[in-house]
Amino acid sequence: MKVAHLFNEINFSGAEIMYAQAAPLFQAQGFELIAISTGKQKGNYVKQYEQANYTIAHQPLPAGRFNLITLLKYYVSFYHYLKNENIRVLHIHRSNLIIHGVIAWLAGVRCIKTQHNTFKNRVLTLPYAIVWRFVLRKLFNVSFQTIGESVYLNELQYYKNPSIKINNWFDKSKFYPAEDNQEKQRLREQLDIAKDVFVIVSTGGCSPIKNHHDIIEAMSIVKDKVNCLYLHLGQGATEQEEKQLASELGVFENIRFLGNQDKVRDYLIASDLYLMPSKFEGLGNAALEAMACQLPCVLYDSSGLRDLIKDNDNGFLIEPDVTKLAENIIKIFNNYSLAEKKANNALVSVNKEYTMSNSVQKIIELYRLND
């Protein structure tokens, strides 16, 4: 069975990473996988998809969105592509590819539309958003899938759109606890990190939503109380702003701006605390990976992230506030036993609810529904 995943650009991001990691599980059950980039460029994660034995296609959306003839030609071409390639399932990950669901129906192709975030339309555009979801679901047999509790409730309550909740996942073969304390120390030596420093880490692209500015400001509050190093993994639109802020606050020497890294687990294992102060998330895959590495996590109480912390038993869910963030860094630094308890519970919870094998099997069942 051929499954085509429809992305914007195939970039180093949550959904793209998940489906690249999961490729062997789909392929083991007879699925042929295609990744279609509809952006201007193919994307910066294409090589990893090729290594995962995806077929790559580049079908950029026309620049002239209001040129009806150009759009018609594009959609006719896409229809023929689905038919000629004998695609059985079209899995849409990009938010604005509504017409592709209609084209899939016309071509006799099962269509899954994954909602990855808790975005809310403004009042004026909300009726339109509700209607197109209803039309796709009722008239064109599109199945909506959501990646976690916050997104599920957002779709149901805000858009009146029932969906199938299948949690995002992490790869247990890539993210797992330190084998022993010696592994942690070995990795610190490799990364040139002193034994006595308290290491904070964050992973994720640089953007206003990810809100790394709050971590940098918290560093300026705790620097005189905690011998602290911040490992900043990720890059993006606000990266230069963040470096400038670090310089202005006098903490640039306490932060390593490391960009995107392939061996993320090495940095997680070498660290003592994971921070994610996002303004909102669909679920927070990067936090899942940190929890799977048995790392205590401080997360802002925002949509998506609050899905991961249960009764404050498996992590620290705090009010979105820089002062609170700094207070929790100091609290965890001074209370190793509390941090260890939260980290142990985090490991149990993610292995129970967010493993790749369980979620991928549910996606496969969704693909095969009515087949």
Protein backbone atom coordinates (compact mmCIF):
# COMPACT_ATOMS: atom_id res chain seq x y z
CA MET A 1 0.00 0.00 0.00
CA LYS A 2 1.40 3.40 -0.98
CA VAL A 3 1.07 6.27 1.49
CA ALA A 4 1.95 9.83 0.51
CA HIS A 5 2.72 12.36 3.24
CA LEU A 6 2.00 15.95 2.27
CA PHE A 7 4.19 18.52 4.03
CA ASN A 8 5.08 22.16 3.53
CA GLU A 9 8.87 21.89 3.21
CA ILE A 10 10.40 18.69 4.58
CA ASN A 11 12.29 20.33 7.40
CA PHE A 12 13.97 19.42 10.67
CA SER A 13 10.75 19.60 12.66
CA GLY A 14 8.40 17.54 14.85
CA ALA A 15 6.17 15.68 12.41
CA GLU A 16 8.89 15.21 9.81
CA ILE A 17 11.28 13.76 12.39
CA MET A 18 8.63 11.40 13.80
CA TYR A 19 7.64 9.94 10.45
CA ALA A 20 11.25 9.52 9.35
CA GLN A 21 12.04 7.62 12.55
CA ALA A 22 8.94 5.46 12.19
CA ALA A 23 9.56 4.50 8.55
CA PRO A 24 10.85 0.96 9.32
CA LEU A 25 7.68 0.14 11.28
CA PHE A 26 5.44 1.18 8.39
CA GLN A 27 7.62 -0.56 5.82
CA ALA A 28 7.67 -3.78 7.85
CA GLN A 29 3.89 -3.96 7.37
CA GLY A 30 4.08 -3.50 3.61
CA PHE A 31 3.72 0.27 3.23
CA GLU A 32 5.57 2.16 0.51
CA LEU A 33 6.24 5.69 1.70
CA ILE A 34 6.30 8.93 -0.26
CA ALA A 35 7.05 12.41 1.12
CA ILE A 36 5.78 15.36 -0.91
CA SER A 37 7.12 18.84 -0.33
CA THR A 38 4.67 21.57 -1.34
CA GLY A 39 6.96 24.46 -0.32
CA LYS A 40 9.28 26.52 -2.47
CA GLN A 41 12.21 24.30 -1.51
CA LYS A 42 12.24 20.59 -0.77
CA GLY A 43 13.48 21.29 2.75
CA ASN A 44 16.53 20.70 4.95
CA TYR A 45 15.50 17.22 6.15
CA VAL A 46 15.18 15.52 2.77
CA LYS A 47 18.43 13.56 3.13
CA GLN A 48 17.12 11.83 6.26
CA TYR A 49 13.92 10.90 4.41
CA GLU A 50 15.91 9.43 1.55
CA GLN A 51 17.95 7.43 4.06
CA ALA A 52 14.65 6.16 5.50
CA ASN A 53 13.71 4.90 2.00
CA TYR A 54 11.01 7.46 1.31
CA THR A 55 10.40 8.45 -2.28
CA ILE A 56 10.71 12.25 -2.43
CA ALA A 57 8.47 14.40 -4.63
CA HIS A 58 8.53 18.19 -4.95
CA GLN A 59 5.21 19.72 -5.94
CA PRO A 60 5.35 23.37 -4.83
CA LEU A 61 2.08 25.20 -4.59
CA PRO A 62 1.75 27.80 -7.37
CA ALA A 63 2.96 31.26 -6.45
CA GLY A 64 -0.07 32.86 -8.07
CA ARG A 65 -2.70 31.67 -5.59
CA PHE A 66 -5.40 33.80 -7.23
CA ASN A 67 -4.65 32.67 -10.78
CA LEU A 68 -7.49 30.21 -11.28
CA ILE A 69 -6.05 28.68 -14.44
CA THR A 70 -2.69 28.03 -12.75
CA LEU A 71 -4.40 26.53 -9.72
CA LEU A 72 -6.64 24.33 -11.85
CA LYS A 73 -3.64 22.99 -13.76
CA TYR A 74 -1.87 22.29 -10.46
CA TYR A 75 -4.79 20.34 -9.00
CA VAL A 76 -5.40 18.40 -12.23
CA SER A 77 -1.71 17.47 -12.21
CA PHE A 78 -1.95 16.39 -8.56
CA TYR A 79 -5.02 14.27 -9.35
CA HIS A 80 -3.13 12.48 -12.09
CA TYR A 81 -0.14 12.02 -9.80
CA LEU A 82 -2.30 10.23 -7.23
CA LYS A 83 -3.82 8.02 -9.91
CA ASN A 84 -0.61 7.26 -11.79
CA GLU A 85 1.35 6.44 -8.64
CA ASN A 86 -1.50 4.30 -7.32
CA ILE A 87 -1.53 6.16 -3.98
CA ARG A 88 -3.91 4.50 -1.54
CA VAL A 89 -3.63 6.97 1.37
CA LEU A 90 -2.91 10.69 1.33
CA HIS A 91 -1.77 11.94 4.73
CA ILE A 92 -1.90 15.75 4.91
CA HIS A 93 0.25 17.53 7.50
CA ARG A 94 0.13 21.09 6.15
CA SER A 95 -2.72 23.19 7.53
CA ASN A 96 -3.84 24.99 4.37
CA LEU A 97 -4.05 22.07 1.93
CA ILE A 98 -7.82 21.82 2.05
CA ILE A 99 -8.38 21.25 -1.67
CA HIS A 100 -5.97 18.33 -1.67
CA GLY A 101 -8.48 16.43 0.48
CA VAL A 102 -11.12 16.99 -2.19
CA ILE A 103 -8.71 15.89 -4.94
CA ALA A 104 -7.95 12.73 -2.97
CA TRP A 105 -11.67 11.92 -2.76
CA LEU A 106 -12.08 12.46 -6.50
CA ALA A 107 -9.13 10.14 -7.14
CA GLY A 108 -10.55 7.44 -4.85
CA VAL A 109 -7.75 7.89 -2.32
CA ARG A 110 -8.29 7.65 1.45
CA CYS A 111 -7.34 10.94 3.12
CA ILE A 112 -6.08 11.61 6.65
CA LYS A 113 -5.71 15.21 7.85
CA THR A 114 -3.53 15.56 10.94
CA GLN A 115 -4.07 18.61 13.13
CA HIS A 116 -0.72 19.35 14.76
CA ASN A 117 -1.44 22.45 16.83
CA THR A 118 -3.93 24.37 18.94
CA PHE A 119 -4.13 27.38 16.65
CA LYS A 120 -7.38 29.33 16.97
CA ASN A 121 -8.91 31.35 14.16
CA ARG A 122 -10.08 34.87 14.84
CA VAL A 123 -13.80 35.55 15.19
CA LEU A 124 -14.25 36.65 11.58
CA THR A 125 -12.59 33.57 10.06
CA LEU A 126 -13.83 31.01 12.59
CA PRO A 127 -17.07 30.16 10.71
CA TYR A 128 -15.04 29.43 7.56
CA ALA A 129 -12.69 27.16 9.52
CA ILE A 130 -15.61 25.26 11.06
CA VAL A 131 -17.33 24.85 7.71
CA TRP A 132 -14.35 23.51 5.78
CA ARG A 133 -13.67 20.93 8.46
CA PHE A 134 -17.33 19.84 8.37
CA VAL A 135 -17.39 19.67 4.58
CA LEU A 136 -14.17 17.66 4.34
CA ARG A 137 -15.35 15.24 7.00
CA LYS A 138 -18.95 14.78 5.84
CA LEU A 139 -18.81 15.16 2.07
CA PHE A 140 -15.30 14.04 1.19
CA ASN A 141 -14.69 11.34 3.79
CA VAL A 142 -11.56 12.95 5.25
CA SER A 143 -10.54 11.54 8.63
CA PHE A 144 -9.13 14.06 11.10
CA GLN A 145 -6.41 12.88 13.47
CA THR A 146 -5.06 14.84 16.43
CA ILE A 147 -1.70 14.39 18.13
CA GLY A 148 -2.64 14.79 21.79
CA GLU A 149 -5.28 15.84 24.28
CA SER A 150 -4.94 19.62 23.86
CA VAL A 151 -5.25 19.46 20.08
CA TYR A 152 -8.12 16.97 20.33
CA LEU A 153 -10.07 19.26 22.67
CA ASN A 154 -9.25 22.35 20.62
CA GLU A 155 -10.68 20.72 17.50
CA LEU A 156 -13.74 19.40 19.31
CA GLN A 157 -14.63 22.42 21.42
CA TYR A 158 -13.47 25.33 19.28
CA TYR A 159 -14.05 23.96 15.77
CA LYS A 160 -16.82 21.43 16.54
CA ASN A 161 -14.64 18.89 14.75
CA PRO A 162 -14.49 15.33 16.17
CA SER A 163 -11.19 13.61 15.52
CA ILE A 164 -9.24 10.46 16.25
CA LYS A 165 -6.63 11.10 18.93
CA ILE A 166 -3.35 9.28 18.34
CA ASN A 167 -0.54 10.63 20.47
CA ASN A 168 2.75 11.78 19.04
CA TRP A 169 5.62 9.49 19.86
CA PHE A 170 9.31 9.21 20.60
CA ASP A 171 11.79 6.61 19.37
CA LYS A 172 12.92 4.33 22.24
CA SER A 173 15.93 3.23 20.24
CA LYS A 174 17.21 6.84 20.12
CA PHE A 175 16.03 8.27 23.44
CA TYR A 176 16.58 6.27 26.63
CA PRO A 177 18.15 6.82 30.06
CA ALA A 178 21.86 6.87 30.79
CA GLU A 179 23.24 3.37 31.06
CA ASP A 180 25.06 4.43 34.24
CA ASN A 181 26.58 7.53 35.82
CA GLN A 182 29.79 6.83 33.94
CA GLU A 183 28.02 7.41 30.61
CA LYS A 184 26.94 10.85 31.79
CA GLN A 185 30.49 11.72 32.78
CA ARG A 186 31.93 10.34 29.53
CA LEU A 187 29.57 12.48 27.50
CA ARG A 188 30.41 15.54 29.57
CA GLU A 189 34.08 14.99 28.87
CA GLN A 190 33.39 14.61 25.14
CA LEU A 191 31.35 17.81 25.16
CA ASP A 192 33.94 19.64 27.28
CA ILE A 193 31.58 20.21 30.21
CA ALA A 194 33.02 20.43 33.71
CA LYS A 195 31.88 17.86 36.27
CA ASP A 196 30.68 20.39 38.83
CA VAL A 197 28.53 22.58 36.55
CA PHE A 198 24.72 22.37 36.64
CA VAL A 199 23.63 21.85 33.04
CA ILE A 200 20.32 23.08 31.64
CA VAL A 201 19.22 22.08 28.15
CA SER A 202 16.49 23.01 25.68
CA THR A 203 15.81 21.55 22.25
CA GLY A 204 13.72 23.10 19.52
CA GLY A 205 13.69 25.75 16.82
CA CYS A 206 14.21 29.40 17.66
CA SER A 207 10.90 31.23 17.37
CA PRO A 208 8.65 33.50 19.43
CA ILE A 209 6.46 30.49 20.23
CA LYS A 210 9.37 28.44 21.63
CA ASN A 211 10.16 31.45 23.84
CA HIS A 212 13.83 30.74 24.59
CA HIS A 213 14.10 34.37 25.68
CA ASP A 214 12.62 33.37 29.04
CA ILE A 215 15.37 30.79 29.63
CA ILE A 216 18.04 33.38 28.85
CA GLU A 217 16.42 35.89 31.23
CA ALA A 218 16.16 33.19 33.92
CA MET A 219 19.86 32.47 33.45
CA SER A 220 20.61 36.09 34.30
CA ILE A 221 18.66 35.68 37.56
CA VAL A 222 20.28 32.41 38.69
CA LYS A 223 23.87 32.94 37.47
CA ASP A 224 25.11 34.26 40.83
CA LYS A 225 23.42 31.45 42.77
CA VAL A 226 24.05 28.42 40.56
CA ASN A 227 27.17 27.45 38.61
CA CYS A 228 25.08 26.94 35.52
CA LEU A 229 25.56 26.16 31.80
CA TYR A 230 22.74 26.31 29.26
CA LEU A 231 22.95 24.04 26.20
CA HIS A 232 20.76 25.66 23.54
CA LEU A 233 19.97 23.21 20.73
CA GLY A 234 18.11 24.52 17.71
CA GLN A 235 18.14 27.37 15.27
CA GLY A 236 15.63 29.61 13.55
CA ALA A 237 14.17 33.07 13.16
CA THR A 238 14.93 34.43 16.64
CA GLU A 239 18.40 32.92 17.06
CA GLN A 240 20.27 36.21 16.60
CA GLU A 241 17.83 37.99 18.92
CA GLU A 242 18.53 35.38 21.58
CA LYS A 243 22.30 35.75 21.22
CA GLN A 244 21.95 39.52 21.47
CA LEU A 245 19.81 39.19 24.61
CA ALA A 246 22.36 36.84 26.17
CA SER A 247 25.10 39.41 25.53
CA GLU A 248 23.03 42.26 26.95
CA LEU A 249 22.24 40.29 30.12
CA GLY A 250 25.83 39.17 30.61
CA VAL A 251 25.18 35.44 30.27
CA PHE A 252 26.53 34.74 26.78
CA GLU A 253 29.52 32.87 28.27
CA ASN A 254 27.08 30.66 30.21
CA ILE A 255 25.22 29.57 27.07
CA ARG A 256 26.30 27.38 24.19
CA PHE A 257 24.30 28.07 21.05
CA LEU A 258 24.69 24.71 19.33
CA GLY A 259 22.25 24.85 16.41
CA ASN A 260 20.63 21.66 15.15
CA GLN A 261 22.30 18.47 16.33
CA ASP A 262 21.91 14.87 15.19
CA LYS A 263 22.96 13.24 18.49
CA VAL A 264 20.42 15.02 20.69
CA ARG A 265 20.46 12.25 23.30
CA ASP A 266 24.13 12.94 24.09
CA TYR A 267 23.24 16.47 25.17
CA LEU A 268 20.21 15.35 27.15
CA ILE A 269 22.16 12.69 29.05
CA ALA A 270 24.95 15.18 29.80
CA SER A 271 22.41 17.59 31.31
CA ASP A 272 20.72 17.91 34.70
CA LEU A 273 17.49 19.71 33.77
CA TYR A 274 15.32 20.20 30.69
CA LEU A 275 13.35 23.42 30.14
CA MET A 276 10.52 24.13 27.69
CA PRO A 277 8.85 27.53 28.12
CA SER A 278 6.79 27.41 24.92
CA LYS A 279 3.76 29.68 24.63
CA PHE A 280 1.91 26.71 23.14
CA GLU A 281 2.67 23.35 21.54
CA GLY A 282 0.73 20.70 19.73
CA LEU A 283 2.19 18.22 22.18
CA GLY A 284 5.89 18.90 22.73
CA ASN A 285 7.89 16.09 21.12
CA ALA A 286 11.19 17.47 22.35
CA ALA A 287 9.94 17.30 25.93
CA LEU A 288 8.89 13.69 25.36
CA GLU A 289 12.45 12.86 24.31
CA ALA A 290 13.89 14.53 27.41
CA MET A 291 11.49 12.63 29.66
CA ALA A 292 12.42 9.38 27.90
CA CYS A 293 16.04 10.12 28.81
CA GLN A 294 14.95 10.30 32.48
CA LEU A 295 15.62 14.00 32.74
CA PRO A 296 13.60 16.20 35.12
CA CYS A 297 11.59 18.70 33.09
CA VAL A 298 10.21 22.15 33.82
CA LEU A 299 7.46 23.05 31.36
CA TYR A 300 5.25 26.08 31.10
CA ASP A 301 1.58 25.47 31.79
CA SER A 302 0.51 25.98 28.18
CA SER A 303 -1.58 23.99 25.72
CA GLY A 304 0.16 20.84 24.58
CA LEU A 305 2.74 20.90 27.36
CA ARG A 306 0.18 20.46 30.10
CA ASP A 307 -0.77 17.16 28.42
CA LEU A 308 2.59 15.71 29.49
CA ILE A 309 2.59 16.48 33.22
CA LYS A 310 0.10 14.55 35.35
CA ASP A 311 -0.69 15.98 38.80
CA ASN A 312 2.83 17.47 38.92
CA ASP A 313 4.02 13.93 39.60
CA ASN A 314 6.27 13.43 36.56
CA GLY A 315 7.67 16.92 36.08
CA PHE A 316 7.24 20.56 36.99
CA LEU A 317 4.38 22.42 35.30
CA ILE A 318 4.70 26.09 36.17
CA GLU A 319 3.03 29.42 35.52
CA PRO A 320 4.52 31.07 32.40
CA ASP A 321 6.77 33.52 34.19
CA VAL A 322 10.53 34.15 34.10
CA THR A 323 10.79 34.55 37.87
CA LYS A 324 9.00 31.23 38.42
CA LEU A 325 11.31 29.60 35.90
CA ALA A 326 14.38 30.87 37.74
CA GLU A 327 12.95 29.77 41.09
CA ASN A 328 12.44 26.25 39.79
CA ILE A 329 15.98 26.04 38.43
CA ILE A 330 17.29 26.92 41.89
CA LYS A 331 14.83 24.55 43.61
CA ILE A 332 15.89 21.61 41.45
CA PHE A 333 19.57 22.46 41.85
CA ASN A 334 19.11 22.32 45.63
CA ASN A 335 16.87 19.24 45.75
CA TYR A 336 18.36 16.33 43.83
CA SER A 337 16.04 13.72 45.36
CA LEU A 338 12.91 15.61 44.23
CA ALA A 339 14.30 16.00 40.71
CA GLU A 340 15.21 12.31 40.59
CA LYS A 341 11.70 11.27 41.65
CA LYS A 342 10.09 13.43 38.96
CA ALA A 343 12.50 12.10 36.33
CA ASN A 344 11.78 8.48 37.24
CA ASN A 345 8.04 9.07 36.99
CA ALA A 346 8.50 10.89 33.69
CA LEU A 347 10.23 7.86 32.21
CA VAL A 348 7.36 5.59 33.28
CA SER A 349 4.67 7.90 31.92
CA VAL A 350 6.16 8.41 28.43
CA ASN A 351 6.82 4.71 28.00
CA LYS A 352 3.21 4.03 28.88
CA GLU A 353 1.54 6.64 26.65
CA TYR A 354 3.89 7.83 23.92
CA THR A 355 5.90 4.95 22.49
CA MET A 356 6.42 4.83 18.75
CA SER A 357 5.32 1.22 18.33
CA ASN A 358 1.90 1.79 19.92
CA SER A 359 1.08 5.05 18.14
CA VAL A 360 2.34 3.87 14.75
CA GLN A 361 0.15 0.79 14.99
CA LYS A 362 -2.87 3.05 15.58
CA ILE A 363 -1.91 5.13 12.53
CA ILE A 364 -1.67 1.95 10.48
CA GLU A 365 -5.15 0.90 11.62
CA LEU A 366 -6.39 4.32 10.54
CA TYR A 367 -4.78 3.89 7.13
CA ARG A 368 -6.44 0.51 6.69
CA LEU A 369 -9.87 1.63 7.85
CA ASN A 370 -12.44 0.73 5.18
CA ASP A 371 -9.65 -0.60 2.96
